[in-house]
């Protein structure tokens, strides 16, 4: 980061050319975990569950968004944040293993 600044890059250019490429594998991993867990849960659970009191959090969010109901935006945002915390916590639990996998191919011995 500092080397890019010495070479004449602005902070934004250093972010785009140095930081973002290094963070891209982690960002992709988070996106994959979030997508697979949320959408896999919606499809599978909506097939098996028959009453609204048994629905999971992603099913309720999908009904809020596509069910045509008028919903309080604050309640919807809070629900979405809680639903997003679960994949994030799962990623943080396996972050050590993801990091080891990413670094293993980059280290020359």
N, C-alpha and C. Protein backbone atom coordinates (compact mmCIF):
# COMPACT_ATOMS: atom_id res chain seq x y z
N UNK A 1 0.83 -1.19 0.00
CA UNK A 1 0.00 0.00 0.00
C UNK A 1 0.88 1.25 0.00
N UNK A 2 1.85 1.30 0.89
CA UNK A 2 2.73 2.46 0.96
C UNK A 2 3.65 2.54 -0.26
N UNK A 3 4.03 1.38 -0.80
CA UNK A 3 4.88 1.37 -1.99
C UNK A 3 4.14 1.99 -3.17
N UNK A 4 2.85 1.71 -3.28
CA UNK A 4 2.04 2.30 -4.35
C UNK A 4 1.97 3.81 -4.19
N UNK A 5 1.90 4.28 -2.96
CA UNK A 5 1.88 5.73 -2.71
C UNK A 5 3.21 6.37 -3.12
N UNK A 6 4.31 5.68 -2.82
CA UNK A 6 5.62 6.20 -3.21
C UNK A 6 5.73 6.26 -4.73
N UNK A 7 5.13 5.30 -5.41
CA UNK A 7 5.16 5.27 -6.88
C UNK A 7 4.22 6.28 -7.52
N UNK A 8 3.46 7.03 -6.72
CA UNK A 8 2.63 8.09 -7.26
C UNK A 8 1.15 7.78 -7.32
N UNK A 9 0.71 6.68 -6.76
CA UNK A 9 -0.72 6.35 -6.76
C UNK A 9 -1.44 7.13 -5.66
N UNK A 10 -2.68 7.45 -5.93
CA UNK A 10 -3.51 8.04 -4.88
C UNK A 10 -4.00 6.91 -3.98
N UNK A 11 -4.68 7.26 -2.90
CA UNK A 11 -5.21 6.23 -2.01
C UNK A 11 -6.22 5.34 -2.73
N UNK A 12 -7.05 5.94 -3.56
CA UNK A 12 -8.06 5.18 -4.30
C UNK A 12 -7.40 4.23 -5.31
N UNK A 13 -6.38 4.71 -6.02
CA UNK A 13 -5.67 3.85 -6.97
C UNK A 13 -4.96 2.71 -6.24
N UNK A 14 -4.38 3.01 -5.08
CA UNK A 14 -3.73 1.96 -4.30
C UNK A 14 -4.75 0.92 -3.85
N UNK A 15 -5.93 1.39 -3.49
CA UNK A 15 -6.99 0.46 -3.10
C UNK A 15 -7.37 -0.43 -4.28
N UNK A 16 -7.57 0.18 -5.46
CA UNK A 16 -8.00 -0.59 -6.63
C UNK A 16 -6.92 -1.54 -7.14
N UNK A 17 -5.66 -1.12 -7.08
CA UNK A 17 -4.59 -1.91 -7.70
C UNK A 17 -3.87 -2.84 -6.73
N UNK A 18 -3.95 -2.57 -5.43
CA UNK A 18 -3.22 -3.39 -4.47
C UNK A 18 -4.18 -4.13 -3.52
N UNK A 19 -5.01 -3.38 -2.84
CA UNK A 19 -5.84 -3.96 -1.79
C UNK A 19 -6.95 -4.84 -2.34
N UNK A 20 -7.68 -4.34 -3.32
CA UNK A 20 -8.82 -5.08 -3.85
C UNK A 20 -8.43 -6.41 -4.48
N UNK A 21 -7.37 -6.49 -5.29
CA UNK A 21 -6.98 -7.81 -5.81
C UNK A 21 -6.58 -8.80 -4.72
N UNK A 22 -5.99 -8.31 -3.64
CA UNK A 22 -5.63 -9.20 -2.55
C UNK A 22 -6.85 -9.66 -1.76
N UNK A 23 -7.87 -8.80 -1.69
CA UNK A 23 -9.07 -9.13 -0.93
C UNK A 23 -10.11 -9.87 -1.76
N UNK A 24 -9.93 -9.92 -3.07
CA UNK A 24 -10.94 -10.52 -3.95
C UNK A 24 -11.27 -11.97 -3.60
N UNK A 25 -10.30 -12.86 -3.34
CA UNK A 25 -10.68 -14.24 -3.00
C UNK A 25 -11.54 -14.32 -1.74
N UNK A 26 -11.23 -13.53 -0.75
CA UNK A 26 -12.05 -13.53 0.46
C UNK A 26 -13.44 -12.98 0.22
N UNK A 27 -13.54 -11.92 -0.57
CA UNK A 27 -14.85 -11.36 -0.89
C UNK A 27 -15.69 -12.34 -1.70
N UNK A 28 -15.06 -13.04 -2.61
CA UNK A 28 -15.77 -14.05 -3.39
C UNK A 28 -16.24 -15.19 -2.50
N UNK A 29 -15.40 -15.60 -1.56
CA UNK A 29 -15.78 -16.67 -0.64
C UNK A 29 -16.99 -16.27 0.19
N UNK A 30 -17.00 -15.06 0.69
CA UNK A 30 -18.15 -14.59 1.47
C UNK A 30 -19.40 -14.56 0.60
N UNK A 31 -19.27 -14.09 -0.62
CA UNK A 31 -20.42 -14.03 -1.52
C UNK A 31 -20.96 -15.43 -1.82
N UNK A 32 -20.06 -16.37 -2.04
CA UNK A 32 -20.50 -17.74 -2.33
C UNK A 32 -21.20 -18.35 -1.13
N UNK A 33 -20.60 -18.22 0.06
CA UNK A 33 -21.24 -18.75 1.26
C UNK A 33 -22.62 -18.13 1.47
N UNK A 34 -22.71 -16.82 1.34
CA UNK A 34 -23.98 -16.13 1.55
C UNK A 34 -25.03 -16.58 0.57
N UNK A 35 -24.67 -16.66 -0.69
CA UNK A 35 -25.64 -17.04 -1.71
C UNK A 35 -26.11 -18.48 -1.53
N UNK A 36 -25.17 -19.40 -1.37
CA UNK A 36 -25.54 -20.81 -1.28
C UNK A 36 -26.37 -21.09 -0.03
N UNK A 37 -25.96 -20.56 1.10
CA UNK A 37 -26.70 -20.82 2.33
C UNK A 37 -28.09 -20.18 2.31
N UNK A 38 -28.19 -18.95 1.86
CA UNK A 38 -29.48 -18.27 1.86
C UNK A 38 -30.44 -18.87 0.85
N UNK A 39 -30.02 -19.00 -0.38
CA UNK A 39 -30.93 -19.47 -1.40
C UNK A 39 -31.17 -20.96 -1.31
N UNK A 40 -30.19 -21.74 -0.91
CA UNK A 40 -30.43 -23.16 -0.71
C UNK A 40 -31.45 -23.39 0.39
N UNK A 41 -31.39 -22.59 1.42
CA UNK A 41 -32.34 -22.69 2.52
C UNK A 41 -33.74 -22.28 2.08
N UNK A 42 -33.86 -21.28 1.24
CA UNK A 42 -35.17 -20.82 0.78
C UNK A 42 -35.86 -21.89 -0.04
N UNK A 43 -35.16 -22.44 -1.01
CA UNK A 43 -35.78 -23.41 -1.91
C UNK A 43 -36.14 -24.69 -1.16
N UNK A 44 -35.21 -25.24 -0.41
CA UNK A 44 -35.46 -26.50 0.29
C UNK A 44 -36.54 -26.34 1.36
N UNK A 45 -36.44 -25.28 2.14
CA UNK A 45 -37.40 -25.08 3.22
C UNK A 45 -38.79 -24.76 2.71
N UNK A 46 -38.90 -24.00 1.64
CA UNK A 46 -40.24 -23.66 1.13
C UNK A 46 -40.95 -24.87 0.57
N UNK A 47 -40.21 -25.88 0.13
CA UNK A 47 -40.84 -27.11 -0.36
C UNK A 47 -41.34 -27.95 0.81
N UNK A 48 -40.59 -28.01 1.89
CA UNK A 48 -40.93 -28.90 3.00
C UNK A 48 -41.90 -28.30 4.01
N UNK A 49 -41.83 -27.02 4.26
CA UNK A 49 -42.64 -26.41 5.31
C UNK A 49 -43.97 -25.95 4.75
N UNK A 50 -45.04 -26.20 5.54
CA UNK A 50 -46.37 -25.89 5.02
C UNK A 50 -47.06 -24.72 5.71
N UNK A 51 -46.65 -24.35 6.90
CA UNK A 51 -47.30 -23.23 7.59
C UNK A 51 -46.29 -22.11 7.83
N UNK A 52 -46.82 -20.89 7.92
CA UNK A 52 -45.95 -19.72 8.03
C UNK A 52 -45.19 -19.67 9.35
N UNK A 53 -45.71 -20.28 10.41
CA UNK A 53 -45.01 -20.24 11.69
C UNK A 53 -43.77 -21.13 11.70
N UNK A 54 -43.62 -22.01 10.71
CA UNK A 54 -42.45 -22.88 10.63
C UNK A 54 -41.40 -22.38 9.63
N UNK A 55 -41.71 -21.30 8.91
CA UNK A 55 -40.79 -20.80 7.89
C UNK A 55 -39.49 -20.30 8.50
N UNK A 56 -38.43 -20.44 7.74
CA UNK A 56 -37.12 -19.93 8.17
C UNK A 56 -37.00 -18.45 7.81
N UNK A 57 -35.95 -17.83 8.32
CA UNK A 57 -35.74 -16.40 8.10
C UNK A 57 -35.61 -16.02 6.62
N UNK A 58 -34.84 -16.75 5.81
CA UNK A 58 -34.77 -16.37 4.39
C UNK A 58 -36.11 -16.49 3.66
N UNK A 59 -36.95 -17.43 4.07
CA UNK A 59 -38.27 -17.54 3.43
C UNK A 59 -39.11 -16.31 3.76
N UNK A 60 -39.08 -15.87 5.00
CA UNK A 60 -39.82 -14.65 5.37
C UNK A 60 -39.30 -13.44 4.60
N UNK A 61 -38.01 -13.33 4.45
CA UNK A 61 -37.45 -12.20 3.69
C UNK A 61 -37.91 -12.27 2.24
N UNK A 62 -37.90 -13.45 1.65
CA UNK A 62 -38.33 -13.56 0.25
C UNK A 62 -39.81 -13.22 0.11
N UNK A 63 -40.63 -13.58 1.10
CA UNK A 63 -42.05 -13.19 1.04
C UNK A 63 -42.21 -11.69 1.21
N UNK A 64 -41.37 -11.07 2.06
CA UNK A 64 -41.42 -9.61 2.20
C UNK A 64 -41.09 -8.94 0.87
N UNK A 65 -40.08 -9.44 0.19
CA UNK A 65 -39.62 -8.79 -1.03
C UNK A 65 -40.50 -9.08 -2.24
N UNK A 66 -40.97 -10.32 -2.38
CA UNK A 66 -41.70 -10.69 -3.59
C UNK A 66 -43.15 -11.07 -3.33
N UNK A 67 -43.58 -10.99 -2.09
CA UNK A 67 -44.95 -11.39 -1.78
C UNK A 67 -45.97 -10.30 -2.02
N UNK A 68 -45.54 -9.11 -2.33
CA UNK A 68 -46.47 -8.02 -2.59
C UNK A 68 -46.97 -7.35 -1.33
N UNK A 69 -46.42 -7.70 -0.18
CA UNK A 69 -46.87 -7.09 1.07
C UNK A 69 -46.18 -5.74 1.26
N UNK A 70 -46.87 -4.84 1.93
CA UNK A 70 -46.26 -3.57 2.31
C UNK A 70 -45.61 -3.79 3.67
N UNK A 71 -44.32 -3.64 3.72
CA UNK A 71 -43.56 -3.99 4.91
C UNK A 71 -42.83 -2.75 5.42
N UNK A 72 -42.68 -2.69 6.73
CA UNK A 72 -41.89 -1.63 7.35
C UNK A 72 -40.43 -1.80 6.90
N UNK A 73 -39.83 -0.79 6.27
CA UNK A 73 -38.45 -0.93 5.79
C UNK A 73 -37.44 -1.20 6.91
N UNK A 74 -37.65 -0.64 8.07
CA UNK A 74 -36.74 -0.89 9.19
C UNK A 74 -36.78 -2.34 9.62
N UNK A 75 -37.97 -2.90 9.66
CA UNK A 75 -38.11 -4.31 10.05
C UNK A 75 -37.46 -5.21 9.00
N UNK A 76 -37.66 -4.87 7.74
CA UNK A 76 -37.06 -5.66 6.66
C UNK A 76 -35.53 -5.58 6.72
N UNK A 77 -34.99 -4.39 6.97
CA UNK A 77 -33.54 -4.22 7.06
C UNK A 77 -32.97 -5.01 8.24
N UNK A 78 -33.65 -4.96 9.37
CA UNK A 78 -33.18 -5.70 10.54
C UNK A 78 -33.21 -7.20 10.28
N UNK A 79 -34.25 -7.67 9.63
CA UNK A 79 -34.35 -9.09 9.30
C UNK A 79 -33.24 -9.50 8.34
N UNK A 80 -32.96 -8.67 7.35
CA UNK A 80 -31.91 -8.98 6.38
C UNK A 80 -30.53 -8.99 7.05
N UNK A 81 -30.31 -8.09 7.98
CA UNK A 81 -29.02 -8.05 8.68
C UNK A 81 -28.83 -9.31 9.52
N UNK A 82 -29.88 -9.72 10.23
CA UNK A 82 -29.80 -10.94 11.04
C UNK A 82 -29.57 -12.15 10.14
N UNK A 83 -30.26 -12.18 8.99
CA UNK A 83 -30.08 -13.30 8.07
C UNK A 83 -28.67 -13.32 7.49
N UNK A 84 -28.06 -12.17 7.30
CA UNK A 84 -26.71 -12.11 6.76
C UNK A 84 -25.63 -12.40 7.78
N UNK A 85 -25.96 -12.31 9.05
CA UNK A 85 -24.96 -12.57 10.09
C UNK A 85 -24.59 -14.04 10.17
N UNK A 86 -25.54 -14.92 9.88
CA UNK A 86 -25.27 -16.35 9.99
C UNK A 86 -24.20 -16.80 8.99
N UNK A 87 -24.32 -16.47 7.69
CA UNK A 87 -23.23 -16.84 6.78
C UNK A 87 -21.91 -16.16 7.13
N UNK A 88 -21.98 -14.93 7.62
CA UNK A 88 -20.74 -14.23 7.99
C UNK A 88 -20.06 -14.93 9.16
N UNK A 89 -20.82 -15.34 10.16
CA UNK A 89 -20.24 -16.07 11.29
C UNK A 89 -19.66 -17.41 10.85
N UNK A 90 -20.35 -18.07 9.93
CA UNK A 90 -19.83 -19.33 9.41
C UNK A 90 -18.51 -19.11 8.68
N UNK A 91 -18.44 -18.05 7.89
CA UNK A 91 -17.19 -17.75 7.19
C UNK A 91 -16.07 -17.46 8.19
N UNK A 92 -16.37 -16.69 9.22
CA UNK A 92 -15.34 -16.38 10.20
C UNK A 92 -14.86 -17.63 10.92
N UNK A 93 -15.75 -18.62 11.06
CA UNK A 93 -15.36 -19.87 11.70
C UNK A 93 -14.38 -20.67 10.84
N UNK A 94 -14.51 -20.58 9.52
CA UNK A 94 -13.63 -21.34 8.63
C UNK A 94 -12.60 -20.46 7.94
N UNK A 95 -12.48 -19.22 8.36
CA UNK A 95 -11.59 -18.26 7.71
C UNK A 95 -10.14 -18.74 7.74
N UNK A 96 -9.73 -19.36 8.82
CA UNK A 96 -8.36 -19.84 8.94
C UNK A 96 -8.05 -20.86 7.83
N UNK A 97 -9.00 -21.73 7.54
CA UNK A 97 -8.79 -22.75 6.53
C UNK A 97 -8.82 -22.16 5.12
N UNK A 98 -9.67 -21.18 4.90
CA UNK A 98 -9.71 -20.50 3.60
C UNK A 98 -8.39 -19.78 3.36
N UNK A 99 -7.89 -19.11 4.38
CA UNK A 99 -6.62 -18.38 4.25
C UNK A 99 -5.47 -19.34 3.97
N UNK A 100 -5.44 -20.47 4.66
CA UNK A 100 -4.37 -21.43 4.41
C UNK A 100 -4.43 -21.96 2.98
N UNK A 101 -5.63 -22.16 2.46
CA UNK A 101 -5.77 -22.63 1.09
C UNK A 101 -5.34 -21.60 0.07
N UNK A 102 -5.61 -20.34 0.34
CA UNK A 102 -5.22 -19.29 -0.60
C UNK A 102 -3.71 -19.06 -0.59
N UNK A 103 -3.09 -19.15 0.57
CA UNK A 103 -1.66 -18.88 0.69
C UNK A 103 -0.82 -20.08 0.27
N UNK A 104 -1.37 -21.28 0.35
CA UNK A 104 -0.59 -22.48 0.06
C UNK A 104 -0.02 -22.49 -1.35
N UNK A 105 -0.75 -21.99 -2.32
CA UNK A 105 -0.25 -21.98 -3.69
C UNK A 105 0.68 -20.82 -3.98
N UNK A 106 0.73 -19.83 -3.11
CA UNK A 106 1.52 -18.63 -3.37
C UNK A 106 2.91 -18.69 -2.75
N UNK A 107 3.13 -19.58 -1.81
CA UNK A 107 4.41 -19.64 -1.12
C UNK A 107 5.34 -20.58 -1.87
N UNK A 108 6.52 -20.09 -2.20
CA UNK A 108 7.52 -20.90 -2.89
C UNK A 108 8.54 -21.40 -1.87
N UNK A 109 8.82 -22.69 -1.90
CA UNK A 109 9.71 -23.21 -0.89
C UNK A 109 10.98 -23.63 -1.36
